[in-house]
C-alpha atoms as a PDB file:
ATOM      1  CA  MET A   1      81.233 178.089  75.741  1.00  0.00           C
ATOM      2  CA  LYS A   2      78.807 175.532  74.310  1.00  0.00           C
ATOM      3  CA  THR A   3      75.754 174.688  76.435  1.00  0.00           C
ATOM      4  CA  ASN A   4      73.707 171.515  76.459  1.00  0.00           C
ATOM      5  CA  PRO A   5      70.108 172.255  75.297  1.00  0.00           C
ATOM      6  CA  LEU A   6      68.706 169.329  77.324  1.00  0.00           C
ATOM      7  CA  LYS A   7      68.324 169.631  81.078  1.00  0.00           C
ATOM      8  CA  LYS A   8      69.537 166.827  83.306  1.00  0.00           C
ATOM      9  CA  ALA A   9      66.902 164.601  84.948  1.00  0.00           C
ATOM     10  CA  SER A  10      64.054 166.030  82.908  1.00  0.00           C
ATOM     11  CA  PRO A  11      61.275 163.409  82.986  1.00  0.00           C
ATOM     12  CA  ASN A  12      59.319 165.112  80.198  1.00  0.00           C
ATOM     13  CA  LEU A  13      62.172 164.477  77.766  1.00  0.00           C
ATOM     14  CA  ASN A  14      62.575 160.785  78.504  1.00  0.00           C
ATOM     15  CA  GLY A  15      59.089 159.685  79.534  1.00  0.00           C
ATOM     16  CA  ARG A  16      59.301 156.117  78.260  1.00  0.00           C
ATOM     17  CA  SER A  17      62.546 155.461  80.116  1.00  0.00           C
ATOM     18  CA  GLU A  18      61.128 156.953  83.304  1.00  0.00           C
ATOM     19  CA  TRP A  19      57.948 154.888  82.867  1.00  0.00           C
ATOM     20  CA  ILE A  20      59.699 151.505  82.476  1.00  0.00           C
ATOM     21  CA  ILE A  21      62.073 152.226  85.366  1.00  0.00           C
ATOM     22  CA  GLU A  22      59.090 153.096  87.559  1.00  0.00           C
ATOM     23  CA  THR A  23      57.298 149.913  86.452  1.00  0.00           C
ATOM     24  CA  ILE A  24      60.308 147.751  87.331  1.00  0.00           C
ATOM     25  CA  LYS A  25      60.635 149.473  90.708  1.00  0.00           C
ATOM     26  CA  LEU A  26      56.930 149.218  91.619  1.00  0.00           C
ATOM     27  CA  GLU A  27      56.163 145.746  90.286  1.00  0.00           C
ATOM     28  CA  CYS A  28      59.446 144.029  91.123  1.00  0.00           C
ATOM     29  CA  LEU A  29      62.229 145.717  93.081  1.00  0.00           C
ATOM     30  CA  ASN A  30      60.065 147.141  95.885  1.00  0.00           C
ATOM     31  CA  LYS A  31      59.060 143.574  96.767  1.00  0.00           C
ATOM     32  CA  PHE A  32      62.597 142.203  97.239  1.00  0.00           C
ATOM     33  CA  ILE A  33      65.626 142.918  99.376  1.00  0.00           C
ATOM     34  CA  VAL A  34      68.442 143.288  96.849  1.00  0.00           C
ATOM     35  CA  PHE A  35      71.806 141.807  97.874  1.00  0.00           C
ATOM     36  CA  GLY A  36      74.231 143.465  95.482  1.00  0.00           C
ATOM     37  CA  LYS A  37      74.600 144.168  91.776  1.00  0.00           C
ATOM     38  CA  LYS A  38      74.531 140.515  90.675  1.00  0.00           C
ATOM     39  CA  HIS A  39      71.202 139.972  92.456  1.00  0.00           C
ATOM     40  CA  LEU A  40      69.825 143.240  91.015  1.00  0.00           C
ATOM     41  CA  ASP A  41      70.864 142.179  87.504  1.00  0.00           C
ATOM     42  CA  TYR A  42      69.187 138.781  88.007  1.00  0.00           C
ATOM     43  CA  LEU A  43      65.918 140.343  89.222  1.00  0.00           C
ATOM     44  CA  THR A  44      65.747 142.884  86.408  1.00  0.00           C
ATOM     45  CA  ASP A  45      66.573 140.219  83.785  1.00  0.00           C
ATOM     46  CA  GLU A  46      63.849 137.925  85.168  1.00  0.00           C
ATOM     47  CA  PHE A  47      61.304 140.741  85.332  1.00  0.00           C
ATOM     48  CA  THR A  48      61.984 142.098  81.841  1.00  0.00           C
ATOM     49  CA  SER A  49      61.766 138.575  80.413  1.00  0.00           C
ATOM     50  CA  TYR A  50      58.436 138.056  82.207  1.00  0.00           C
ATOM     51  CA  TYR A  51      57.217 141.536  81.198  1.00  0.00           C
ATOM     52  CA  ASN A  52      57.988 141.022  77.500  1.00  0.00           C
ATOM     53  CA  THR A  53      56.745 137.443  77.127  1.00  0.00           C
ATOM     54  CA  LYS A  54      54.116 136.632  79.773  1.00  0.00           C
ATOM     55  CA  ARG A  55      52.620 139.735  81.411  1.00  0.00           C
ATOM     56  CA  SER A  56      49.330 140.906  79.948  1.00  0.00           C
ATOM     57  CA  HIS A  57      48.968 144.483  78.699  1.00  0.00           C
ATOM     58  CA  ARG A  58      45.767 146.495  78.293  1.00  0.00           C
ATOM     59  CA  GLU A  59      46.996 148.127  75.100  1.00  0.00           C
ATOM     60  CA  ARG A  60      47.372 144.648  73.548  1.00  0.00           C
ATOM     61  CA  ASP A  61      43.904 143.384  74.550  1.00  0.00           C
ATOM     62  CA  ILE A  62      45.391 141.539  77.544  1.00  0.00           C
ATOM     63  CA  LEU A  63      48.116 139.829  75.481  1.00  0.00           C
ATOM     64  CA  PRO A  64      51.858 139.978  76.153  1.00  0.00           C
ATOM     65  CA  PRO A  65      53.752 142.338  73.815  1.00  0.00           C
ATOM     66  CA  LEU A  66      55.833 139.643  72.087  1.00  0.00           C
ATOM     67  CA  ARG A  67      53.061 137.235  71.164  1.00  0.00           C
ATOM     68  CA  GLU A  68      50.717 136.675  68.252  1.00  0.00           C
ATOM     69  CA  LEU A  69      46.949 136.610  68.650  1.00  0.00           C
ATOM     70  CA  PRO A  70      45.885 133.176  69.879  1.00  0.00           C
ATOM     71  CA  GLU A  71      43.600 130.949  67.838  1.00  0.00           C
ATOM     72  CA  LYS A  72      40.130 130.208  69.130  1.00  0.00           C
ATOM     73  CA  VAL A  73      40.289 127.165  71.408  1.00  0.00           C
ATOM     74  CA  ALA A  74      37.702 124.801  72.736  1.00  0.00           C
ATOM     75  CA  THR A  75      37.153 124.445  76.464  1.00  0.00           C
ATOM     76  CA  ILE A  76      39.980 122.492  78.061  1.00  0.00           C
ATOM     77  CA  SER A  77      39.913 120.217  81.079  1.00  0.00           C
ATOM     78  CA  ILE A  78      41.526 121.067  84.399  1.00  0.00           C
ATOM     79  CA  ASP A  79      44.301 118.485  83.917  1.00  0.00           C
ATOM     80  CA  GLN A  80      45.509 120.437  80.859  1.00  0.00           C
ATOM     81  CA  ILE A  81      46.285 123.505  82.996  1.00  0.00           C
ATOM     82  CA  GLU A  82      49.417 124.101  85.047  1.00  0.00           C
ATOM     83  CA  PHE A  83      50.329 126.721  87.637  1.00  0.00           C
ATOM     84  CA  LYS A  84      53.566 128.681  86.997  1.00  0.00           C
ATOM     85  CA  LYS A  85      55.517 131.222  89.030  1.00  0.00           C
ATOM     86  CA  TYR A  86      57.656 134.019  87.585  1.00  0.00           C
ATOM     87  CA  VAL A  87      60.127 136.484  89.085  1.00  0.00           C
ATOM     88  CA  GLY A  88      60.737 134.424  92.216  1.00  0.00           C
ATOM     89  CA  GLY A  89      57.042 133.746  92.820  1.00  0.00           C
ATOM     90  CA  LEU A  90      56.123 137.423  92.565  1.00  0.00           C
ATOM     91  CA  SER A  91      53.868 136.769  89.568  1.00  0.00           C
ATOM     92  CA  LYS A  92      51.768 133.667  89.122  1.00  0.00           C
ATOM     93  CA  SER A  93      49.694 132.386  86.229  1.00  0.00           C
ATOM     94  CA  PHE A  94      47.656 129.457  85.005  1.00  0.00           C
ATOM     95  CA  GLU A  95      48.784 128.203  81.620  1.00  0.00           C
ATOM     96  CA  ARG A  96      48.042 125.413  79.205  1.00  0.00           C
ATOM     97  CA  LYS A  97      50.411 122.459  79.695  1.00  0.00           C
ATOM     98  CA  VAL A  98      52.945 121.996  76.924  1.00  0.00           C
ATOM     99  CA  ASP A  99      53.185 118.355  75.826  1.00  0.00           C
END
């Protein structure tokens, strides 16, 4: 009989998967009441999109993971800034208006 060398549900063997699942649960799913699989899929799609394109990360010097380093910019006026909500208003940010 052949045995599987990997134990089931071993968090030390799949740390990155466990980490991202925990992040999604803590930062997103624990703040919503989920009404079925379609709603769960929508929330996780919205959160992963936000996480990969907008959310700041300490390891990236407070830049999102899928973004290049910004150029140095001069001070901008308040009318050039807009307020945006992500993941159903769960995350909010101030961003430069796109013309």
